[in-house]
Amino acid sequence: MKRIGMLTSGGDCQALNAAMRGVVKTMMNSDEEVEVYGFLDGYRGLIYGNYRMLQSQDFSGILTKGGTILGSSRTPFKTITDPDENGLDKVKAMKQNYYKLNLDCLVILGGNGTHKTANLLRKEGLNVVTLPKTIDNDLYGTDMTFGFQSAVDIATNCIDCIHTTASSHSRVFIVEVMGHKVGWLTLNAGMASGADIILIPEIPYDIKKIADAINKRKKNGSRFTIIAVAEGAISKEDAKLSKKEYQKKLKDSKYPSISYEIADKIKQVTGEEVRVTVPGHTQRGGSPCPYDRVFASRLGSEAAKLILDGEYGFMVGYKNREIVKVPLEEVAGKLKYVDPDSSIVKEAKMLGISFGD
C-alpha cells in the first residue's frame, strides 16, 4: 500500500489537474494499492490538516479542466518558519499531519516559492516529489513548466486581437503580459504575435530607443506599433537603483503598472496616442492547451514511477526533450532567466524586433 498526499501551491495555472491525474492514474494502473489524500488550498491544508481522501472518480474528466480541484494559496517561504497568529509552528504542523496520515510521499505541484518549501520539508525528513508548474517558465532545472504554453496561447491571442484594432487606428498599443522577474512569457507571446517591441525584465529599456523604433515604423509607412511589455519590465535608470529604492519608487508611483508609465513617457517623447491592455489573470485561466495536457500527463506519470520505485527528493523536469529527475536542492531558490545574449533574443532582433536597449 502506498499512501500519498498531494497539494497545489502558489498561483494556479492550466494543467494542474492534468498533472495530478497523471500521477494517480499511473499509480492506480500499477500492481500497488494506493490511497491518495488531497490537501486543500496548498500548504495551508498541510499545515492545518485540511484534507480529503480522493477516489479514482475524482480524477475522471479533469484532463481538460483548468485551475485545481484541490484549491491553492500562497504561503510565502520567507515566513514559513515563523509561527502563525496563534503561535503554531507551521513546519512542525506539516510534519505532524504527514506522519498522522502515515504518508509514504508528498506530491507537490508548484513554482519557485513552492519548491523552496518542498526542499525544506525534504531536509526535515519527509519524502517529497515535485512537479514544475508556472506560466512564467522560470523554474530552474527544467526547460519547460506546464501552464506556460497555455499562457503563451492566451497572451498571443490577446495581442493578435489588438492587431486587428491597431490596423484601424494610428496609435501605439501596449499589451502587458504577466512576468514580474522573467520575460519568457512576454518574449514568446510577443514573437508569436508579431509584436514590434518587446520589453522584458532581463533587458532594461531606454525610452528614447523605444521612441526611435516607433518613429522608424511611422517613417516606413506603418500606422501603428504594438509593444508587448512584461509586468516586471524596467528602465535602464531604474535598473541602477537599489532594490529598496526601486520598491519605494513603485510604491510612490502614480501609475497602476509599468505599462502606464511607459505609455505616458512615449506620449511625452513622440506625441503618439497610446492605449494599454492588461489581460491579467486570463493568462492563468481556461482549459490547458493540448501541449500542456500531454506534457503534464507525462510529468505526472514519471512522478508516479519515482514514488513506486521509492525515489524521493526530486523534481520531475524536462531537459533536451526528455523527462528527467532533478534533485530538489538543485532547484530550490533559483530562477531561470532569459539570457539577453541567447539565440532566441538575437533571432528576434534579426527579425526587426526592438527590445528598447
Protein backbone atom coordinates (compact mmCIF):
# COMPACT_ATOMS: atom_id res chain seq x y z
CA MET A 1 0.00 0.00 0.00
CA LYS A 2 1.29 3.43 -0.98
CA ARG A 3 -0.22 6.45 0.76
CA ILE A 4 0.46 9.75 -0.97
CA GLY A 5 -0.55 13.30 -0.20
CA MET A 6 -0.99 15.89 -2.94
CA LEU A 7 -1.19 19.66 -2.89
CA THR A 8 -1.05 22.55 -5.36
CA SER A 9 0.60 25.71 -4.11
CA GLY A 10 1.05 29.27 -5.34
CA GLY A 11 -0.75 30.84 -8.27
CA ASP A 12 -2.92 28.47 -10.25
CA CYS A 13 -2.35 27.65 -13.90
CA GLN A 14 -3.59 25.36 -16.62
CA ALA A 15 -2.84 21.61 -16.45
CA LEU A 16 -2.54 21.28 -12.67
CA ASN A 17 -5.44 18.84 -12.80
CA ALA A 18 -3.91 17.02 -15.76
CA ALA A 19 -0.65 16.54 -13.83
CA MET A 20 -2.39 15.21 -10.73
CA ARG A 21 -4.46 12.91 -12.93
CA GLY A 22 -1.25 11.62 -14.50
CA VAL A 23 0.17 10.72 -11.09
CA VAL A 24 -2.94 8.97 -9.81
CA LYS A 25 -3.87 7.10 -13.00
CA THR A 26 -0.34 5.73 -13.30
CA MET A 27 -0.31 4.56 -9.70
CA MET A 28 -3.75 3.02 -9.93
CA ASN A 29 -2.73 1.18 -13.10
CA SER A 30 0.20 -0.41 -11.25
CA ASP A 31 0.12 -3.51 -9.09
CA GLU A 32 0.44 -1.34 -5.99
CA GLU A 33 -2.59 -0.43 -3.89
CA VAL A 34 -2.76 3.31 -3.35
CA GLU A 35 -4.52 5.82 -1.12
CA VAL A 36 -4.50 9.48 -2.15
CA TYR A 37 -5.07 12.37 0.25
CA GLY A 38 -5.61 15.81 -1.21
CA PHE A 39 -4.58 18.76 0.97
CA LEU A 40 -6.84 21.72 0.33
CA ASP A 41 -5.55 25.18 -0.57
CA GLY A 42 -1.87 24.36 -0.82
CA TYR A 43 0.49 24.27 2.14
CA ARG A 44 -2.28 25.79 4.23
CA GLY A 45 -4.12 22.47 4.05
CA LEU A 46 -1.00 20.59 5.10
CA ILE A 47 -0.40 22.98 8.00
CA TYR A 48 -3.93 22.90 9.39
CA GLY A 49 -4.85 19.34 8.45
CA ASN A 50 -7.49 20.21 5.89
CA TYR A 51 -7.62 17.26 3.52
CA ARG A 52 -9.87 14.66 1.98
CA MET A 53 -9.30 11.20 0.68
CA LEU A 54 -9.56 11.17 -3.09
CA GLN A 55 -11.12 8.41 -5.15
CA SER A 56 -10.42 7.43 -8.74
CA GLN A 57 -13.61 9.18 -9.87
CA ASP A 58 -12.22 12.49 -8.57
CA PHE A 59 -9.68 12.34 -11.40
CA SER A 60 -12.18 11.48 -14.12
CA GLY A 61 -12.96 14.26 -16.59
CA ILE A 62 -10.34 16.71 -15.28
CA LEU A 63 -7.73 16.39 -18.04
CA THR A 64 -9.15 19.44 -19.82
CA LYS A 65 -10.21 21.34 -16.71
CA GLY A 66 -8.31 24.48 -15.73
CA GLY A 67 -7.50 25.57 -12.19
CA THR A 68 -7.05 22.94 -9.49
CA ILE A 69 -9.59 20.64 -7.86
CA LEU A 70 -7.67 20.97 -4.58
CA GLY A 71 -7.58 24.76 -4.46
CA SER A 72 -4.39 26.74 -3.97
CA SER A 73 -2.92 29.51 -1.86
CA ARG A 74 0.29 31.44 -1.48
CA THR A 75 2.29 30.56 1.63
CA PRO A 76 5.48 32.65 1.37
CA PHE A 77 8.67 30.73 2.05
CA LYS A 78 10.18 33.70 3.91
CA THR A 79 7.55 33.31 6.65
CA ILE A 80 7.17 29.52 6.63
CA THR A 81 9.36 29.11 9.73
CA ASP A 82 7.56 31.91 11.60
CA PRO A 83 4.72 30.91 13.97
CA ASP A 84 1.21 31.76 12.73
CA GLU A 85 -1.01 34.31 14.51
CA ASN A 86 -1.85 31.69 17.16
CA GLY A 87 1.73 30.67 17.73
CA LEU A 88 1.54 27.47 15.68
CA ASP A 89 4.85 26.11 14.38
CA LYS A 90 3.93 25.65 10.72
CA VAL A 91 6.79 23.34 9.76
CA LYS A 92 6.16 21.12 12.79
CA ALA A 93 2.44 21.04 11.96
CA MET A 94 3.11 19.95 8.39
CA LYS A 95 5.33 17.13 9.60
CA GLN A 96 2.75 16.03 12.16
CA ASN A 97 -0.01 15.84 9.54
CA TYR A 98 2.29 13.92 7.20
CA TYR A 99 3.01 11.31 9.88
CA LYS A 100 -0.56 11.29 11.17
CA LEU A 101 -1.73 10.01 7.78
CA ASN A 102 1.23 7.62 7.58
CA LEU A 103 2.14 9.00 4.16
CA ASP A 104 4.84 7.45 2.01
CA CYS A 105 5.27 10.60 -0.06
CA LEU A 106 4.07 14.15 -0.68
CA VAL A 107 3.45 15.15 -4.29
CA ILE A 108 3.79 18.93 -4.52
CA LEU A 109 2.90 20.93 -7.61
CA GLY A 110 4.18 24.47 -7.74
CA GLY A 111 6.67 27.10 -8.80
CA ASN A 112 9.73 28.70 -7.28
CA GLY A 113 8.47 29.52 -3.78
CA THR A 114 6.66 26.21 -3.56
CA HIS A 115 9.88 24.35 -4.34
CA LYS A 116 11.79 26.17 -1.62
CA THR A 117 9.29 24.94 0.96
CA ALA A 118 9.28 21.47 -0.61
CA ASN A 119 13.05 21.32 -0.25
CA LEU A 120 12.75 22.42 3.38
CA LEU A 121 10.35 19.53 4.04
CA ARG A 122 12.81 17.19 2.33
CA LYS A 123 15.53 18.41 4.70
CA GLU A 124 13.12 17.76 7.58
CA GLY A 125 12.98 14.12 6.56
CA LEU A 126 9.76 13.93 4.53
CA ASN A 127 9.59 12.04 1.24
CA VAL A 128 8.81 14.58 -1.46
CA VAL A 129 8.37 14.51 -5.24
CA THR A 130 7.52 17.75 -7.05
CA LEU A 131 6.11 18.82 -10.41
CA PRO A 132 7.04 22.12 -12.12
CA LYS A 133 4.09 24.41 -12.72
CA THR A 134 4.16 28.08 -13.59
CA ILE A 135 3.06 30.18 -16.53
CA ASP A 136 6.36 32.09 -16.21
CA ASN A 137 8.54 29.10 -17.21
CA ASP A 138 11.11 30.44 -14.74
CA LEU A 139 11.72 27.33 -12.65
CA TYR A 140 15.35 26.29 -12.58
CA GLY A 141 16.28 22.75 -13.60
CA THR A 142 13.68 22.28 -16.33
CA ASP A 143 13.45 23.57 -19.89
CA MET A 144 9.67 23.76 -19.63
CA THR A 145 6.96 24.10 -16.99
CA PHE A 146 3.34 23.14 -17.53
CA GLY A 147 0.97 26.07 -17.82
CA PHE A 148 3.49 28.04 -19.84
CA GLN A 149 2.36 27.03 -23.33
CA SER A 150 -1.30 27.61 -22.43
CA ALA A 151 -0.48 31.09 -21.13
CA VAL A 152 1.54 31.83 -24.28
CA ASP A 153 -1.54 30.89 -26.33
CA ILE A 154 -3.76 33.28 -24.36
CA ALA A 155 -1.30 36.18 -24.36
CA THR A 156 -0.65 35.65 -28.07
CA ASN A 157 -4.36 35.66 -28.83
CA CYS A 158 -4.75 38.91 -26.88
CA ILE A 159 -2.01 40.59 -28.91
CA ASP A 160 -3.49 39.11 -32.11
CA CYS A 161 -6.81 40.75 -31.25
CA ILE A 162 -5.04 44.07 -30.66
CA HIS A 163 -3.55 43.77 -34.15
CA THR A 164 -6.98 43.91 -35.77
CA THR A 165 -7.98 47.10 -33.99
CA ALA A 166 -4.47 48.53 -34.37
CA SER A 167 -4.75 48.29 -38.14
CA SER A 168 -7.74 50.60 -37.98
CA HIS A 169 -6.10 53.31 -35.87
CA SER A 170 -2.88 55.30 -35.93
CA ARG A 171 -1.87 54.52 -32.36
CA VAL A 172 0.69 52.78 -30.19
CA PHE A 173 -0.75 49.76 -28.39
CA ILE A 174 0.79 48.22 -25.27
CA VAL A 175 -0.19 44.76 -24.04
CA GLU A 176 1.05 44.00 -20.53
CA VAL A 177 1.93 40.32 -20.10
CA MET A 178 2.48 38.55 -16.79
CA GLY A 179 6.05 38.09 -15.56
CA HIS A 180 7.48 40.08 -12.64
CA LYS A 181 11.03 38.76 -12.69
CA VAL A 182 11.49 36.94 -16.00
CA GLY A 183 10.38 37.54 -19.58
CA TRP A 184 9.83 34.08 -21.11
CA LEU A 185 6.08 34.55 -21.48
CA THR A 186 6.32 38.05 -22.96
CA LEU A 187 9.18 37.05 -25.26
CA ASN A 188 7.36 34.04 -26.70
CA ALA A 189 3.93 35.68 -26.94
CA GLY A 190 5.48 38.80 -28.44
CA MET A 191 7.32 36.86 -31.13
CA ALA A 192 4.33 34.63 -31.85
CA SER A 193 2.03 37.61 -32.37
CA GLY A 194 4.39 39.81 -34.33
CA ALA A 195 4.89 42.48 -31.68
CA ASP A 196 7.16 45.29 -32.85
CA ILE A 197 8.76 45.97 -29.47
CA ILE A 198 9.23 43.51 -26.59
CA LEU A 199 10.23 44.71 -23.13
CA ILE A 200 11.34 42.15 -20.54
CA PRO A 201 12.94 42.44 -17.06
CA GLU A 202 16.26 40.95 -18.18
CA ILE A 203 16.87 43.71 -20.75
CA PRO A 204 16.43 47.20 -19.23
CA TYR A 205 14.95 49.62 -21.76
CA ASP A 206 15.75 53.14 -22.87
CA ILE A 207 12.60 55.15 -23.62
CA LYS A 208 14.47 57.00 -26.38
CA LYS A 209 15.25 53.71 -28.11
CA ILE A 210 11.56 52.78 -27.90
CA ALA A 211 10.66 56.14 -29.41
CA ASP A 212 13.21 55.58 -32.19
CA ALA A 213 11.60 52.23 -33.04
CA ILE A 214 8.14 53.81 -33.14
CA ASN A 215 9.30 56.70 -35.32
CA LYS A 216 11.13 54.33 -37.67
CA ARG A 217 7.95 52.32 -38.21
CA LYS A 218 5.98 55.51 -38.84
CA LYS A 219 8.60 56.73 -41.33
CA ASN A 220 8.32 53.39 -43.15
CA GLY A 221 4.58 53.81 -43.51
CA SER A 222 3.27 51.81 -40.55
CA ARG A 223 0.17 53.30 -38.94
CA PHE A 224 0.62 51.57 -35.60
CA THR A 225 3.11 49.96 -33.22
CA ILE A 226 2.44 47.08 -30.85
CA ILE A 227 4.53 46.69 -27.71
CA ALA A 228 4.50 43.54 -25.54
CA VAL A 229 5.55 44.56 -22.02
CA ALA A 230 6.33 42.20 -19.16
CA GLU A 231 4.84 43.48 -15.91
CA GLY A 232 8.36 43.45 -14.47
CA ALA A 233 9.95 45.43 -17.30
CA ILE A 234 12.40 48.04 -16.02
CA SER A 235 14.11 51.11 -17.45
CA LYS A 236 17.88 51.49 -17.54
CA GLU A 237 17.61 54.30 -15.00
CA ASP A 238 15.55 52.23 -12.56
CA ALA A 239 17.83 49.21 -13.02
CA LYS A 240 20.61 51.26 -11.39
CA LEU A 241 18.55 51.77 -8.21
CA SER A 242 18.92 49.52 -5.19
CA LYS A 243 16.13 47.05 -4.55
CA LYS A 244 14.90 49.17 -1.65
CA GLU A 245 14.97 52.37 -3.71
CA TYR A 246 13.10 50.74 -6.59
CA GLN A 247 10.42 49.29 -4.32
CA LYS A 248 9.89 52.75 -2.83
CA LYS A 249 9.57 54.22 -6.32
CA LEU A 250 6.92 51.65 -7.25
CA LYS A 251 5.06 52.28 -4.01
CA ASP A 252 5.01 56.03 -4.61
CA SER A 253 4.23 55.77 -8.33
CA LYS A 254 1.07 57.38 -9.70
CA TYR A 255 0.83 54.66 -12.33
CA PRO A 256 -1.16 51.43 -11.76
CA SER A 257 1.57 49.42 -13.53
CA ILE A 258 4.75 49.84 -15.56
CA SER A 259 2.85 49.82 -18.86
CA TYR A 260 1.03 53.05 -17.98
CA GLU A 261 4.32 54.72 -17.10
CA ILE A 262 5.81 53.62 -20.41
CA ALA A 263 2.68 54.82 -22.24
CA ASP A 264 2.93 58.26 -20.60
CA LYS A 265 6.61 58.62 -21.47
CA ILE A 266 6.05 57.51 -25.09
CA LYS A 267 3.36 60.17 -25.45
CA GLN A 268 5.69 62.81 -24.00
CA VAL A 269 8.59 61.88 -26.29
CA THR A 270 6.74 61.11 -29.53
CA GLY A 271 3.35 62.77 -29.20
CA GLU A 272 1.73 59.49 -30.24
CA GLU A 273 -1.58 58.33 -28.81
CA VAL A 274 -1.07 55.22 -26.67
CA ARG A 275 -3.53 52.57 -25.43
CA VAL A 276 -2.80 49.94 -22.74
CA THR A 277 -4.39 46.50 -22.45
CA VAL A 278 -3.81 44.27 -19.41
CA PRO A 279 -5.14 40.71 -19.89
CA GLY A 280 -4.09 39.88 -16.32
CA HIS A 281 -5.31 36.63 -14.81
CA THR A 282 -6.97 35.48 -18.01
CA GLN A 283 -3.46 34.19 -18.79
CA ARG A 284 -3.80 31.68 -15.96
CA GLY A 285 -7.31 30.59 -16.81
CA GLY A 286 -9.25 28.33 -19.11
CA SER A 287 -8.51 24.85 -20.36
CA PRO A 288 -4.90 23.73 -20.86
CA CYS A 289 -3.77 23.64 -24.46
CA PRO A 290 -3.09 20.20 -26.00
CA TYR A 291 0.65 20.56 -25.46
CA ASP A 292 0.20 21.15 -21.73
CA ARG A 293 -2.27 18.26 -21.42
CA VAL A 294 0.28 15.86 -22.86
CA PHE A 295 3.25 17.41 -21.06
CA ALA A 296 1.59 17.48 -17.62
CA SER A 297 0.36 13.91 -18.07
CA ARG A 298 3.88 12.75 -18.86
CA LEU A 299 5.34 14.54 -15.85
CA GLY A 300 2.65 13.10 -13.60
CA SER A 301 3.27 9.59 -14.88
CA GLU A 302 7.02 9.86 -14.27
CA ALA A 303 6.38 11.26 -10.77
CA ALA A 304 4.29 8.17 -10.02
CA LYS A 305 7.13 5.95 -11.24
CA LEU A 306 9.54 7.64 -8.83
CA ILE A 307 7.11 7.03 -5.95
CA LEU A 308 6.58 3.39 -6.92
CA ASP A 309 10.36 2.94 -7.11
CA GLY A 310 10.87 4.67 -3.76
CA GLU A 311 12.93 7.51 -5.23
CA TYR A 312 12.26 10.73 -3.37
CA GLY A 313 13.67 14.24 -3.14
CA PHE A 314 13.33 15.01 -6.84
CA MET A 315 11.51 17.39 -9.15
CA VAL A 316 10.32 15.80 -12.37
CA GLY A 317 11.67 18.10 -15.05
CA TYR A 318 12.23 18.31 -18.80
CA LYS A 319 15.63 18.70 -20.42
CA ASN A 320 16.69 18.23 -24.02
CA ARG A 321 13.23 16.86 -24.91
CA GLU A 322 13.39 14.16 -22.25
CA ILE A 323 11.66 13.80 -18.87
CA VAL A 324 14.33 13.79 -16.13
CA LYS A 325 14.55 13.77 -12.35
CA VAL A 326 16.30 16.76 -10.80
CA PRO A 327 17.44 16.85 -7.13
CA LEU A 328 15.32 19.36 -5.21
CA GLU A 329 18.37 21.04 -3.72
CA GLU A 330 19.45 21.99 -7.26
CA VAL A 331 16.09 23.64 -7.96
CA ALA A 332 15.07 25.44 -4.78
CA GLY A 333 15.74 29.16 -4.64
CA LYS A 334 16.89 29.54 -8.23
CA LEU A 335 15.21 31.20 -11.20
CA LYS A 336 15.71 30.56 -14.90
CA TYR A 337 16.15 33.93 -16.59
CA VAL A 338 16.13 34.91 -20.25
CA ASP A 339 19.75 35.37 -21.31
CA PRO A 340 20.00 38.70 -23.20
CA ASP A 341 22.66 37.06 -25.38
CA SER A 342 20.63 33.90 -26.07
CA SER A 343 19.90 32.79 -29.59
CA ILE A 344 16.16 33.48 -29.30
CA VAL A 345 16.80 37.13 -28.38
CA LYS A 346 19.34 37.51 -31.18
CA GLU A 347 16.91 35.95 -33.66
CA ALA A 348 14.11 38.26 -32.51
CA LYS A 349 16.38 41.24 -33.10
CA MET A 350 17.29 39.92 -36.56
CA LEU A 351 13.56 39.87 -37.29
CA GLY A 352 13.49 43.59 -36.53
CA ILE A 353 12.01 43.41 -33.04
CA SER A 354 13.27 46.11 -30.70
CA PHE A 355 13.97 45.39 -27.03
CA GLY A 356 14.45 49.06 -26.21
CA ASP A 357 18.12 48.55 -25.42
